[in-house]
Amino acid sequence: MDVLTSRRIVLLGKTGAGKSSLANTILGDKLFTTNHTPNSGTSECQAKTKSVNGRSITLIDTPGFFDAERSEEEMRPEIVRCITECAPGPHAFLVVLKVEKFTEQEQDVIAKICKYFTEDALKYAVIVFTHGDQLQEGMKLEEFVSQNKNLRDLVKKCGDRCHVVDNKYWKDNEEDNYRSNQFHVAELLNTLDKMMKTNKGSYYTNEMLQEVKREIHTEEELIRQSSGNMSREEIRNEAKINVFDRLLIRSVGFATGALLGAFLGVAEMVTLAVSNFQDLSNFSALVSTTKATAALAAQTGAAKGCWKGLHAAEGAESLGEAMQKAAKAVLNQSGIAADHNNK
C-alpha cells in the first residue's frame, strides 16, 4: 500500500481525555471500546484500520501511558504492544487534550512524550482537543489556545497544528458548521495530508522501531514457510504476537538490570565516598557529598545494568526467567554472586 495513502496514527494522552471516542469519531464507526464509568480508560493498546475519505488509516489507541498513578511496571506490556503495532513508526501522533484549564498535569504529559519519543516527535504531532462543547459560545479554538502561554508554546512546537471535536454533542450538528465533527475531522485529515507532505511522506522512527520492523519481517518469513494456507493478515498478526512476547521479555531484563545496577552502584560508591571522607564531624558536607555520589552512581550503575540485563534475558521463555537471568548477570558482573559462593 502506498505510504502516502496509508497512515499509522498513535493517540496519546491521559486517561479520560477521550482518546477512544476520538478514534471512533475519526473512523466514523464504533470500533474502539469506550467506557464512561468513573474507572473509564483503555486498559490495553488497540489498533484498528479503516478507509476514511479515500485514506487508509490505522489508529493505535493507547492506555493512559502518562497517568501519574500508573507504574512503569504496570504499563510496560502496553508500551511494548504500542511499539509493536506502530513499527516501523507512526506517521502522526495525536496528542489528545480536553478543552479545560491547561495545568501542570497536562504539561507533564507533554514532557513525558518528549522524554519517551524525543522532541522530534512534535514534528509529527497534532494537538486535538476533545469536549469542544466547553468552548464558550462563539469562541474559536485559536482564541482558547491564546489564553495560556504554555499551551500557545506547545501548539507552536507542533507546527500550529490543532483541532477540536466533541464526541458527544457535535455528532450530527448541521446548524453550526464550526460545531460539527464532520467538518473538523475533514480539517484534521487535511492537516495530516499537509504534514506528511512537509515530512516528505516519512514517519517518525528511531533505531528501536526499525529493529522491531526487521524482527516482524523475519518472523513473517519464518511463519510463511510453514504456514500452509494462512492469509497475509493472519501471518502478520501472528508475527506481531511472537515479536511482542520477545520484546516484553527483553524489556523485563532491561528494567531488572537497570534497577539492580543502580542499587548496586549506589551502595558501592556511597560506601567508598563515606570511607574516604576526612571530616566525619561535618555532617551536612557528608550528606551533600553522599547525595551527589549516589546520583552519579545510580546513573552509571543503571546504564551498565540495563544492557547486561537485556542481553541476559535473550532466550528466556517467561518473564520470571528473564528477571532471574538479568539479576544473575548483574550480580555476577558486580562480583557479589562470586563472593557469596566463596563464603
C-alpha atoms as a PDB file:
ATOM      1  CA  MET A   1       0.000   0.000   0.000  1.00  0.00           C
ATOM      2  CA  ASP A   2       1.429   3.396  -0.918  1.00  0.00           C
ATOM      3  CA  VAL A   3       2.861   5.274   2.076  1.00  0.00           C
ATOM      4  CA  LEU A   4       1.092   8.484   1.029  1.00  0.00           C
ATOM      5  CA  THR A   5      -2.359   6.863   1.259  1.00  0.00           C
ATOM      6  CA  SER A   6      -1.673   4.701   4.308  1.00  0.00           C
ATOM      7  CA  ARG A   7      -1.301   6.283   7.719  1.00  0.00           C
ATOM      8  CA  ARG A   8      -0.326   4.890  11.123  1.00  0.00           C
ATOM      9  CA  ILE A   9      -1.535   7.279  13.808  1.00  0.00           C
ATOM     10  CA  VAL A  10      -0.921   6.927  17.557  1.00  0.00           C
ATOM     11  CA  LEU A  11      -3.243   8.622  20.048  1.00  0.00           C
ATOM     12  CA  LEU A  12      -1.539   9.849  23.226  1.00  0.00           C
ATOM     13  CA  GLY A  13      -2.980  11.470  26.330  1.00  0.00           C
ATOM     14  CA  LYS A  14      -4.231  10.977  29.865  1.00  0.00           C
ATOM     15  CA  THR A  15      -6.963   8.552  30.817  1.00  0.00           C
ATOM     16  CA  GLY A  16     -10.310  10.305  30.395  1.00  0.00           C
ATOM     17  CA  ALA A  17      -9.119  12.697  27.689  1.00  0.00           C
ATOM     18  CA  GLY A  18     -11.392  10.949  25.169  1.00  0.00           C
ATOM     19  CA  LYS A  19      -8.857   9.090  23.002  1.00  0.00           C
ATOM     20  CA  SER A  20     -11.066   6.074  22.250  1.00  0.00           C
ATOM     21  CA  SER A  21     -14.107   8.233  21.481  1.00  0.00           C
ATOM     22  CA  LEU A  22     -11.956  10.450  19.243  1.00  0.00           C
ATOM     23  CA  ALA A  23     -10.740   7.348  17.381  1.00  0.00           C
ATOM     24  CA  ASN A  24     -14.351   6.309  16.762  1.00  0.00           C
ATOM     25  CA  THR A  25     -15.230   9.841  15.637  1.00  0.00           C
ATOM     26  CA  ILE A  26     -12.360   9.888  13.112  1.00  0.00           C
ATOM     27  CA  LEU A  27     -13.216   6.433  11.733  1.00  0.00           C
ATOM     28  CA  GLY A  28     -16.953   7.130  11.766  1.00  0.00           C
ATOM     29  CA  ASP A  29     -17.603   3.801  13.449  1.00  0.00           C
ATOM     30  CA  LYS A  30     -17.646   2.356  16.980  1.00  0.00           C
ATOM     31  CA  LEU A  31     -14.570   0.167  16.550  1.00  0.00           C
ATOM     32  CA  PHE A  32     -12.903   1.121  19.838  1.00  0.00           C
ATOM     33  CA  THR A  33     -14.350   0.257  23.224  1.00  0.00           C
ATOM     34  CA  THR A  34     -15.321   3.282  25.289  1.00  0.00           C
ATOM     35  CA  ASN A  35     -16.255   3.336  28.947  1.00  0.00           C
ATOM     36  CA  HIS A  36     -17.869   6.273  30.709  1.00  0.00           C
ATOM     37  CA  THR A  37     -17.748   4.940  34.269  1.00  0.00           C
ATOM     38  CA  PRO A  38     -15.549   6.596  36.942  1.00  0.00           C
ATOM     39  CA  ASN A  39     -12.893   3.993  36.048  1.00  0.00           C
ATOM     40  CA  SER A  40     -13.000   4.793  32.352  1.00  0.00           C
ATOM     41  CA  GLY A  41      -9.983   4.389  30.123  1.00  0.00           C
ATOM     42  CA  THR A  42      -8.465   1.964  27.636  1.00  0.00           C
ATOM     43  CA  SER A  43      -6.797  -0.878  29.549  1.00  0.00           C
ATOM     44  CA  GLU A  44      -4.735  -2.167  26.651  1.00  0.00           C
ATOM     45  CA  CYS A  45      -3.370  -0.945  23.340  1.00  0.00           C
ATOM     46  CA  GLN A  46      -5.802  -1.374  20.416  1.00  0.00           C
ATOM     47  CA  ALA A  47      -5.253  -0.911  16.681  1.00  0.00           C
ATOM     48  CA  LYS A  48      -7.995  -0.616  14.034  1.00  0.00           C
ATOM     49  CA  THR A  49      -7.767   0.110  10.307  1.00  0.00           C
ATOM     50  CA  LYS A  50     -10.442   1.653   8.108  1.00  0.00           C
ATOM     51  CA  SER A  51     -10.714   3.706   4.924  1.00  0.00           C
ATOM     52  CA  VAL A  52     -11.787   7.299   5.643  1.00  0.00           C
ATOM     53  CA  ASN A  53     -12.378   9.746   2.781  1.00  0.00           C
ATOM     54  CA  GLY A  54     -10.194   7.645   0.475  1.00  0.00           C
ATOM     55  CA  ARG A  55      -7.390   7.291   3.014  1.00  0.00           C
ATOM     56  CA  SER A  56      -6.408   4.025   4.675  1.00  0.00           C
ATOM     57  CA  ILE A  57      -5.967   4.903   8.354  1.00  0.00           C
ATOM     58  CA  THR A  58      -4.680   2.726  11.186  1.00  0.00           C
ATOM     59  CA  LEU A  59      -5.408   4.271  14.575  1.00  0.00           C
ATOM     60  CA  ILE A  60      -3.493   2.976  17.591  1.00  0.00           C
ATOM     61  CA  ASP A  61      -5.348   3.790  20.795  1.00  0.00           C
ATOM     62  CA  THR A  62      -3.147   3.682  23.892  1.00  0.00           C
ATOM     63  CA  PRO A  63      -3.834   3.333  27.604  1.00  0.00           C
ATOM     64  CA  GLY A  64      -3.029   6.326  29.781  1.00  0.00           C
ATOM     65  CA  PHE A  65       0.752   5.949  29.460  1.00  0.00           C
ATOM     66  CA  PHE A  66       1.214   9.252  31.229  1.00  0.00           C
ATOM     67  CA  ASP A  67      -1.110   8.810  34.218  1.00  0.00           C
ATOM     68  CA  ALA A  68       0.814   9.554  37.420  1.00  0.00           C
ATOM     69  CA  GLU A  69      -0.896   6.733  39.332  1.00  0.00           C
ATOM     70  CA  ARG A  70       0.164   4.003  36.879  1.00  0.00           C
ATOM     71  CA  SER A  71       3.595   2.491  37.437  1.00  0.00           C
ATOM     72  CA  GLU A  72       6.065   1.765  34.650  1.00  0.00           C
ATOM     73  CA  GLU A  73       5.864  -1.914  35.631  1.00  0.00           C
ATOM     74  CA  GLU A  74       2.109  -1.887  35.092  1.00  0.00           C
ATOM     75  CA  MET A  75       2.346  -0.075  31.762  1.00  0.00           C
ATOM     76  CA  ARG A  76       5.315  -1.974  30.285  1.00  0.00           C
ATOM     77  CA  PRO A  77       3.291  -4.623  28.349  1.00  0.00           C
ATOM     78  CA  GLU A  78       1.155  -1.935  26.686  1.00  0.00           C
ATOM     79  CA  ILE A  79       4.123   0.284  25.829  1.00  0.00           C
ATOM     80  CA  VAL A  80       5.725  -2.744  24.150  1.00  0.00           C
ATOM     81  CA  ARG A  81       2.442  -3.546  22.378  1.00  0.00           C
ATOM     82  CA  CYS A  82       2.212   0.032  21.076  1.00  0.00           C
ATOM     83  CA  ILE A  83       5.784  -0.173  19.739  1.00  0.00           C
ATOM     84  CA  THR A  84       4.947  -3.467  18.006  1.00  0.00           C
ATOM     85  CA  GLU A  85       1.731  -2.135  16.458  1.00  0.00           C
ATOM     86  CA  CYS A  86       3.182   1.102  15.082  1.00  0.00           C
ATOM     87  CA  ALA A  87       6.550  -0.265  13.812  1.00  0.00           C
ATOM     88  CA  PRO A  88       8.439   0.930  11.821  1.00  0.00           C
ATOM     89  CA  GLY A  89       6.934   4.156  13.142  1.00  0.00           C
ATOM     90  CA  PRO A  90       3.794   6.326  13.169  1.00  0.00           C
ATOM     91  CA  HIS A  91       3.092   8.928  10.522  1.00  0.00           C
ATOM     92  CA  ALA A  92       1.459  11.081  13.189  1.00  0.00           C
ATOM     93  CA  PHE A  93       0.882  11.436  16.911  1.00  0.00           C
ATOM     94  CA  LEU A  94      -2.452  12.869  18.010  1.00  0.00           C
ATOM     95  CA  VAL A  95      -1.882  14.472  21.406  1.00  0.00           C
ATOM     96  CA  VAL A  96      -5.353  14.463  22.969  1.00  0.00           C
ATOM     97  CA  LEU A  97      -6.269  17.170  25.481  1.00  0.00           C
ATOM     98  CA  LYS A  98      -9.613  18.310  26.866  1.00  0.00           C
ATOM     99  CA  VAL A  99     -10.951  21.843  26.459  1.00  0.00           C
ATOM    100  CA  GLU A 100     -10.193  22.826  30.025  1.00  0.00           C
ATOM    101  CA  LYS A 101      -7.542  24.577  32.074  1.00  0.00           C
ATOM    102  CA  PHE A 102      -4.020  23.662  30.901  1.00  0.00           C
ATOM    103  CA  THR A 103      -2.419  22.657  34.205  1.00  0.00           C
ATOM    104  CA  GLU A 104       0.960  21.289  35.289  1.00  0.00           C
ATOM    105  CA  GLN A 105      -0.522  17.794  34.895  1.00  0.00           C
ATOM    106  CA  GLU A 106      -1.117  18.384  31.179  1.00  0.00           C
ATOM    107  CA  GLN A 107       2.343  19.937  30.828  1.00  0.00           C
ATOM    108  CA  ASP A 108       3.800  16.808  32.435  1.00  0.00           C
ATOM    109  CA  VAL A 109       2.116  14.660  29.767  1.00  0.00           C
ATOM    110  CA  ILE A 110       3.898  16.647  27.056  1.00  0.00           C
ATOM    111  CA  ALA A 111       7.223  16.441  28.930  1.00  0.00           C
ATOM    112  CA  LYS A 112       6.887  12.645  29.113  1.00  0.00           C
ATOM    113  CA  ILE A 113       6.028  12.373  25.412  1.00  0.00           C
ATOM    114  CA  CYS A 114       9.241  14.272  24.608  1.00  0.00           C
ATOM    115  CA  LYS A 115      11.162  12.083  27.070  1.00  0.00           C
ATOM    116  CA  TYR A 116       9.934   8.772  25.640  1.00  0.00           C
ATOM    117  CA  PHE A 117       9.901   9.735  21.957  1.00  0.00           C
ATOM    118  CA  THR A 118      12.313  12.759  21.951  1.00  0.00           C
ATOM    119  CA  GLU A 119      11.212  16.253  20.966  1.00  0.00           C
ATOM    120  CA  ASP A 120      11.466  15.268  17.294  1.00  0.00           C
ATOM    121  CA  ALA A 121       8.085  13.573  17.780  1.00  0.00           C
ATOM    122  CA  LEU A 122       6.443  17.016  17.881  1.00  0.00           C
ATOM    123  CA  LYS A 123       7.322  17.438  14.187  1.00  0.00           C
ATOM    124  CA  TYR A 124       4.793  14.638  13.623  1.00  0.00           C
ATOM    125  CA  ALA A 125       2.271  15.761  16.245  1.00  0.00           C
ATOM    126  CA  VAL A 126      -1.161  17.346  16.051  1.00  0.00           C
ATOM    127  CA  ILE A 127      -2.963  18.625  19.149  1.00  0.00           C
ATOM    128  CA  VAL A 128      -6.610  17.527  19.202  1.00  0.00           C
ATOM    129  CA  PHE A 129      -8.922  18.943  21.847  1.00  0.00           C
ATOM    130  CA  THR A 130     -11.988  16.991  22.906  1.00  0.00           C
ATOM    131  CA  HIS A 131     -15.079  18.240  24.792  1.00  0.00           C
ATOM    132  CA  GLY A 132     -15.356  21.103  22.310  1.00  0.00           C
ATOM    133  CA  ASP A 133     -18.780  21.984  23.726  1.00  0.00           C
ATOM    134  CA  GLN A 134     -16.884  23.505  26.669  1.00  0.00           C
ATOM    135  CA  LEU A 135     -15.763  26.350  24.380  1.00  0.00           C
ATOM    136  CA  GLN A 136     -17.681  29.482  25.239  1.00  0.00           C
ATOM    137  CA  GLU A 137     -20.441  30.444  22.833  1.00  0.00           C
ATOM    138  CA  GLY A 138     -18.904  31.935  19.711  1.00  0.00           C
ATOM    139  CA  MET A 139     -15.321  31.194  20.800  1.00  0.00           C
ATOM    140  CA  LYS A 140     -12.965  29.618  18.264  1.00  0.00           C
ATOM    141  CA  LEU A 141     -10.172  27.230  19.243  1.00  0.00           C
ATOM    142  CA  GLU A 142      -7.444  29.738  18.389  1.00  0.00           C
ATOM    143  CA  GLU A 143      -8.825  32.164  20.975  1.00  0.00           C
ATOM    144  CA  PHE A 144      -8.948  29.434  23.618  1.00  0.00           C
ATOM    145  CA  VAL A 145      -5.320  28.464  22.938  1.00  0.00           C
ATOM    146  CA  SER A 146      -4.151  32.084  23.028  1.00  0.00           C
ATOM    147  CA  GLN A 147      -5.278  32.448  26.661  1.00  0.00           C
ATOM    148  CA  ASN A 148      -2.441  30.278  28.041  1.00  0.00           C
ATOM    149  CA  LYS A 149       1.248  30.860  27.238  1.00  0.00           C
ATOM    150  CA  ASN A 150       2.305  27.239  27.852  1.00  0.00           C
ATOM    151  CA  LEU A 151      -0.475  25.992  25.602  1.00  0.00           C
ATOM    152  CA  ARG A 152       0.466  28.519  22.910  1.00  0.00           C
ATOM    153  CA  ASP A 153       4.093  27.376  23.093  1.00  0.00           C
ATOM    154  CA  LEU A 154       3.063  23.720  22.778  1.00  0.00           C
ATOM    155  CA  VAL A 155       0.882  24.357  19.729  1.00  0.00           C
ATOM    156  CA  LYS A 156       3.712  26.359  18.146  1.00  0.00           C
ATOM    157  CA  LYS A 157       6.146  23.443  18.697  1.00  0.00           C
ATOM    158  CA  CYS A 158       3.619  21.235  16.882  1.00  0.00           C
ATOM    159  CA  GLY A 159       3.691  23.484  13.820  1.00  0.00           C
ATOM    160  CA  ASP A 160       0.498  25.347  14.889  1.00  0.00           C
ATOM    161  CA  ARG A 161      -1.449  22.147  14.160  1.00  0.00           C
ATOM    162  CA  CYS A 162      -4.503  21.903  16.434  1.00  0.00           C
ATOM    163  CA  HIS A 163      -8.134  20.862  16.038  1.00  0.00           C
ATOM    164  CA  VAL A 164     -11.193  20.362  18.206  1.00  0.00           C
ATOM    165  CA  VAL A 165     -14.063  17.853  18.303  1.00  0.00           C
ATOM    166  CA  ASP A 166     -16.857  16.984  20.683  1.00  0.00           C
ATOM    167  CA  ASN A 167     -17.510  13.253  20.767  1.00  0.00           C
ATOM    168  CA  LYS A 168     -20.897  13.732  22.431  1.00  0.00           C
ATOM    169  CA  TYR A 169     -22.636  16.902  21.244  1.00  0.00           C
ATOM    170  CA  TRP A 170     -21.202  17.632  17.779  1.00  0.00           C
ATOM    171  CA  LYS A 171     -22.052  14.334  16.060  1.00  0.00           C
ATOM    172  CA  ASP A 172     -24.977  15.476  13.908  1.00  0.00           C
ATOM    173  CA  ASN A 173     -24.827  19.255  14.149  1.00  0.00           C
ATOM    174  CA  GLU A 174     -25.917  20.682  10.806  1.00  0.00           C
ATOM    175  CA  GLU A 175     -26.855  24.181  12.010  1.00  0.00           C
ATOM    176  CA  ASP A 176     -23.360  25.344  13.064  1.00  0.00           C
ATOM    177  CA  ASN A 177     -20.541  24.208  10.769  1.00  0.00           C
ATOM    178  CA  TYR A 178     -17.856  25.020  13.352  1.00  0.00           C
ATOM    179  CA  ARG A 179     -19.535  22.805  15.960  1.00  0.00           C
ATOM    180  CA  SER A 180     -19.672  19.801  13.632  1.00  0.00           C
ATOM    181  CA  ASN A 181     -17.410  16.760  13.975  1.00  0.00           C
ATOM    182  CA  GLN A 182     -17.739  16.051  10.265  1.00  0.00           C
ATOM    183  CA  PHE A 183     -16.227  19.469   9.500  1.00  0.00           C
ATOM    184  CA  HIS A 184     -13.364  19.107  11.991  1.00  0.00           C
ATOM    185  CA  VAL A 185     -12.461  15.514  11.029  1.00  0.00           C
ATOM    186  CA  ALA A 186     -12.160  16.653   7.406  1.00  0.00           C
ATOM    187  CA  GLU A 187      -9.940  19.538   8.561  1.00  0.00           C
ATOM    188  CA  LEU A 188      -7.835  17.166  10.675  1.00  0.00           C
ATOM    189  CA  LEU A 189      -7.312  14.800   7.725  1.00  0.00           C
ATOM    190  CA  ASN A 190      -6.260  17.744   5.561  1.00  0.00           C
ATOM    191  CA  THR A 191      -3.765  18.794   8.248  1.00  0.00           C
ATOM    192  CA  LEU A 192      -2.332  15.271   8.289  1.00  0.00           C
ATOM    193  CA  ASP A 193      -2.004  15.379   4.484  1.00  0.00           C
ATOM    194  CA  LYS A 194      -0.095  18.673   4.661  1.00  0.00           C
ATOM    195  CA  MET A 195       2.124  17.445   7.489  1.00  0.00           C
ATOM    196  CA  MET A 196       3.008  14.263   5.607  1.00  0.00           C
ATOM    197  CA  LYS A 197       3.802  16.353   2.534  1.00  0.00           C
ATOM    198  CA  THR A 198       6.056  18.596   4.627  1.00  0.00           C
ATOM    199  CA  ASN A 199       7.744  15.498   6.079  1.00  0.00           C
ATOM    200  CA  LYS A 200       8.039  14.071   2.524  1.00  0.00           C
ATOM    201  CA  GLY A 201       5.847  11.098   3.380  1.00  0.00           C
ATOM    202  CA  SER A 202       8.184   9.945   6.137  1.00  0.00           C
ATOM    203  CA  TYR A 203       7.156   8.653   9.547  1.00  0.00           C
ATOM    204  CA  TYR A 204       8.601   9.157  12.996  1.00  0.00           C
ATOM    205  CA  THR A 205      11.063   6.397  13.772  1.00  0.00           C
ATOM    206  CA  ASN A 206      14.133   5.533  15.774  1.00  0.00           C
ATOM    207  CA  GLU A 207      16.592   2.653  15.974  1.00  0.00           C
ATOM    208  CA  MET A 208      14.327   0.601  18.227  1.00  0.00           C
ATOM    209  CA  LEU A 209      11.317   0.867  15.905  1.00  0.00           C
ATOM    210  CA  GLN A 210      13.481  -0.054  12.909  1.00  0.00           C
ATOM    211  CA  GLU A 211      14.723  -3.138  14.755  1.00  0.00           C
ATOM    212  CA  VAL A 212      11.138  -4.153  15.559  1.00  0.00           C
ATOM    213  CA  LYS A 213      10.252  -3.767  11.872  1.00  0.00           C
ATOM    214  CA  ARG A 214      13.116  -6.086  10.913  1.00  0.00           C
ATOM    215  CA  GLU A 215      12.101  -8.648  13.541  1.00  0.00           C
ATOM    216  CA  ILE A 216       8.483  -8.672  12.370  1.00  0.00           C
ATOM    217  CA  HIS A 217       9.595  -9.120   8.752  1.00  0.00           C
ATOM    218  CA  THR A 218      11.913 -12.016   9.703  1.00  0.00           C
ATOM    219  CA  GLU A 219       9.155 -13.625  11.755  1.00  0.00           C
ATOM    220  CA  GLU A 220       6.683 -13.282   8.863  1.00  0.00           C
ATOM    221  CA  GLU A 221       9.101 -15.112   6.556  1.00  0.00           C
ATOM    222  CA  LEU A 222       9.512 -17.961   9.054  1.00  0.00           C
ATOM    223  CA  ILE A 223       5.745 -18.303   9.517  1.00  0.00           C
ATOM    224  CA  ARG A 224       5.115 -18.116   5.771  1.00  0.00           C
ATOM    225  CA  GLN A 225       7.450 -21.055   5.143  1.00  0.00           C
ATOM    226  CA  SER A 226       5.421 -23.312   7.437  1.00  0.00           C
ATOM    227  CA  SER A 227       2.025 -21.592   7.426  1.00  0.00           C
ATOM    228  CA  GLY A 228       0.111 -23.667   4.912  1.00  0.00           C
ATOM    229  CA  ASN A 229      -2.906 -21.589   3.879  1.00  0.00           C
ATOM    230  CA  MET A 230      -2.660 -18.673   6.299  1.00  0.00           C
ATOM    231  CA  SER A 231      -3.607 -15.287   4.850  1.00  0.00           C
ATOM    232  CA  ARG A 232      -1.179 -12.373   4.744  1.00  0.00           C
ATOM    233  CA  GLU A 233      -3.067 -10.646   7.573  1.00  0.00           C
ATOM    234  CA  GLU A 234      -3.037 -13.800   9.726  1.00  0.00           C
ATOM    235  CA  ILE A 235       0.707 -14.217   9.180  1.00  0.00           C
ATOM    236  CA  ARG A 236       1.377 -10.603  10.153  1.00  0.00           C
ATOM    237  CA  ASN A 237      -0.798 -10.827  13.276  1.00  0.00           C
ATOM    238  CA  GLU A 238       0.964 -13.997  14.427  1.00  0.00           C
ATOM    239  CA  ALA A 239       4.358 -12.407  13.712  1.00  0.00           C
ATOM    240  CA  LYS A 240       3.414  -9.380  15.824  1.00  0.00           C
ATOM    241  CA  ILE A 241       2.343 -11.605  18.712  1.00  0.00           C
ATOM    242  CA  ASN A 242       5.633 -13.556  18.626  1.00  0.00           C
ATOM    243  CA  VAL A 243       7.740 -10.388  18.429  1.00  0.00           C
ATOM    244  CA  PHE A 244       5.662  -8.766  21.203  1.00  0.00           C
ATOM    245  CA  ASP A 245       6.391 -11.719  23.514  1.00  0.00           C
ATOM    246  CA  ARG A 246      10.135 -11.451  22.847  1.00  0.00           C
ATOM    247  CA  LEU A 247      10.174  -7.675  23.310  1.00  0.00           C
ATOM    248  CA  LEU A 248       8.325  -7.942  26.602  1.00  0.00           C
ATOM    249  CA  ILE A 249      10.839 -10.477  27.904  1.00  0.00           C
ATOM    250  CA  ARG A 250      13.716  -8.219  26.844  1.00  0.00           C
ATOM    251  CA  SER A 251      12.134  -5.173  28.452  1.00  0.00           C
ATOM    252  CA  VAL A 252      11.849  -7.044  31.768  1.00  0.00           C
ATOM    253  CA  GLY A 253      15.534  -7.967  31.540  1.00  0.00           C
ATOM    254  CA  PHE A 254      16.408  -4.373  30.678  1.00  0.00           C
ATOM    255  CA  ALA A 255      14.411  -2.949  33.619  1.00  0.00           C
ATOM    256  CA  THR A 256      15.654  -5.547  36.115  1.00  0.00           C
ATOM    257  CA  GLY A 257      19.254  -4.899  35.113  1.00  0.00           C
ATOM    258  CA  ALA A 258      18.814  -1.130  35.349  1.00  0.00           C
ATOM    259  CA  LEU A 259      17.202  -1.261  38.783  1.00  0.00           C
ATOM    260  CA  LEU A 260      19.688  -3.699  40.277  1.00  0.00           C
ATOM    261  CA  GLY A 261      22.631  -1.981  38.595  1.00  0.00           C
ATOM    262  CA  ALA A 262      21.581   1.386  40.015  1.00  0.00           C
ATOM    263  CA  PHE A 263      21.145  -0.060  43.504  1.00  0.00           C
ATOM    264  CA  LEU A 264      24.498  -1.851  43.497  1.00  0.00           C
ATOM    265  CA  GLY A 265      26.235   1.178  42.008  1.00  0.00           C
ATOM    266  CA  VAL A 266      24.867   3.439  44.743  1.00  0.00           C
ATOM    267  CA  ALA A 267      25.748   1.014  47.535  1.00  0.00           C
ATOM    268  CA  GLU A 268      29.315   0.596  46.321  1.00  0.00           C
ATOM    269  CA  MET A 269      30.028   4.250  45.574  1.00  0.00           C
ATOM    270  CA  VAL A 270      28.380   5.655  48.713  1.00  0.00           C
ATOM    271  CA  THR A 271      30.349   3.260  50.898  1.00  0.00           C
ATOM    272  CA  LEU A 272      33.539   4.389  49.164  1.00  0.00           C
ATOM    273  CA  ALA A 273      32.626   8.076  49.495  1.00  0.00           C
ATOM    274  CA  VAL A 274      31.924   7.793  53.226  1.00  0.00           C
ATOM    275  CA  SER A 275      35.109   5.805  53.896  1.00  0.00           C
ATOM    276  CA  ASN A 276      37.197   8.439  52.087  1.00  0.00           C
ATOM    277  CA  PHE A 277      35.525  11.450  53.702  1.00  0.00           C
ATOM    278  CA  GLN A 278      38.045  13.115  56.014  1.00  0.00           C
ATOM    279  CA  ASP A 279      35.873  15.188  58.363  1.00  0.00           C
ATOM    280  CA  LEU A 280      33.057  12.937  59.596  1.00  0.00           C
ATOM    281  CA  SER A 281      32.003  15.622  62.109  1.00  0.00           C
ATOM    282  CA  ASN A 282      30.836  17.868  59.229  1.00  0.00           C
ATOM    283  CA  PHE A 283      27.510  16.070  58.766  1.00  0.00           C
ATOM    284  CA  SER A 284      25.953  18.479  56.197  1.00  0.00           C
ATOM    285  CA  ALA A 285      29.011  18.217  53.934  1.00  0.00           C
ATOM    286  CA  LEU A 286      28.941  14.419  54.275  1.00  0.00           C
ATOM    287  CA  VAL A 287      25.262  14.322  53.284  1.00  0.00           C
ATOM    288  CA  SER A 288      25.884  16.640  50.326  1.00  0.00           C
ATOM    289  CA  THR A 289      28.798  14.542  49.068  1.00  0.00           C
ATOM    290  CA  THR A 290      26.849  11.307  49.540  1.00  0.00           C
ATOM    291  CA  LYS A 291      23.847  12.647  47.629  1.00  0.00           C
ATOM    292  CA  ALA A 292      25.938  13.742  44.658  1.00  0.00           C
ATOM    293  CA  THR A 293      27.830  10.450  44.651  1.00  0.00           C
ATOM    294  CA  ALA A 294      24.607   8.433  44.870  1.00  0.00           C
ATOM    295  CA  ALA A 295      23.016  10.264  41.929  1.00  0.00           C
ATOM    296  CA  LEU A 296      26.035   9.725  39.700  1.00  0.00           C
ATOM    297  CA  ALA A 297      26.431   6.116  40.810  1.00  0.00           C
ATOM    298  CA  ALA A 298      22.763   5.368  40.150  1.00  0.00           C
ATOM    299  CA  GLN A 299      23.020   6.654  36.572  1.00  0.00           C
ATOM    300  CA  THR A 300      26.261   4.774  35.885  1.00  0.00           C
ATOM    301  CA  GLY A 301      25.060   1.559  37.530  1.00  0.00           C
ATOM    302  CA  ALA A 302      21.708   1.670  35.756  1.00  0.00           C
ATOM    303  CA  ALA A 303      23.348   2.218  32.370  1.00  0.00           C
ATOM    304  CA  LYS A 304      25.668  -0.756  32.858  1.00  0.00           C
ATOM    305  CA  GLY A 305      22.994  -2.966  34.380  1.00  0.00           C
ATOM    306  CA  CYS A 306      20.269  -2.344  31.795  1.00  0.00           C
ATOM    307  CA  TRP A 307      22.343  -3.605  28.868  1.00  0.00           C
ATOM    308  CA  LYS A 308      23.673  -6.530  30.881  1.00  0.00           C
ATOM    309  CA  GLY A 309      20.121  -7.465  31.833  1.00  0.00           C
ATOM    310  CA  LEU A 310      18.839  -7.010  28.284  1.00  0.00           C
ATOM    311  CA  HIS A 311      21.379  -9.424  26.783  1.00  0.00           C
ATOM    312  CA  ALA A 312      20.997 -11.911  29.635  1.00  0.00           C
ATOM    313  CA  ALA A 313      17.216 -12.105  29.127  1.00  0.00           C
ATOM    314  CA  GLU A 314      17.588 -13.194  25.483  1.00  0.00           C
ATOM    315  CA  GLY A 315      16.215 -16.690  25.079  1.00  0.00           C
ATOM    316  CA  ALA A 316      14.190 -16.666  28.306  1.00  0.00           C
ATOM    317  CA  GLU A 317      10.821 -18.370  27.923  1.00  0.00           C
ATOM    318  CA  SER A 318       8.947 -16.452  30.622  1.00  0.00           C
ATOM    319  CA  LEU A 319       9.023 -13.084  32.392  1.00  0.00           C
ATOM    320  CA  GLY A 320      10.131 -14.767  35.624  1.00  0.00           C
ATOM    321  CA  GLU A 321      13.036 -16.483  33.879  1.00  0.00           C
ATOM    322  CA  ALA A 322      14.001 -13.168  32.241  1.00  0.00           C
ATOM    323  CA  MET A 323      14.143 -11.460  35.636  1.00  0.00           C
ATOM    324  CA  GLN A 324      16.241 -14.272  37.136  1.00  0.00           C
ATOM    325  CA  LYS A 325      18.713 -14.264  34.235  1.00  0.00           C
ATOM    326  CA  ALA A 326      19.051 -10.481  34.305  1.00  0.00           C
ATOM    327  CA  ALA A 327      19.558 -10.364  38.070  1.00  0.00           C
ATOM    328  CA  LYS A 328      22.130 -13.162  37.977  1.00  0.00           C
ATOM    329  CA  ALA A 329      24.094 -11.454  35.181  1.00  0.00           C
ATOM    330  CA  VAL A 330      24.232  -8.109  37.010  1.00  0.00           C
ATOM    331  CA  LEU A 331      25.217  -9.758  40.298  1.00  0.00           C
ATOM    332  CA  ASN A 332      27.937 -11.741  38.547  1.00  0.00           C
ATOM    333  CA  GLN A 333      29.186  -8.551  36.917  1.00  0.00           C
ATOM    334  CA  SER A 334      29.456  -6.892  40.325  1.00  0.00           C
ATOM    335  CA  GLY A 335      31.232  -9.901  41.837  1.00  0.00           C
ATOM    336  CA  ILE A 336      28.579 -10.295  44.536  1.00  0.00           C
ATOM    337  CA  ALA A 337      27.443 -13.733  43.386  1.00  0.00           C
ATOM    338  CA  ALA A 338      31.040 -14.960  43.287  1.00  0.00           C
ATOM    339  CA  ASP A 339      31.769 -13.571  46.747  1.00  0.00           C
ATOM    340  CA  HIS A 340      28.611 -15.186  48.081  1.00  0.00           C
ATOM    341  CA  ASN A 341      29.587 -18.604  46.630  1.00  0.00           C
ATOM    342  CA  ASN A 342      33.055 -18.400  48.182  1.00  0.00           C
ATOM    343  CA  LYS A 343      31.689 -17.892  51.690  1.00  0.00           C
END
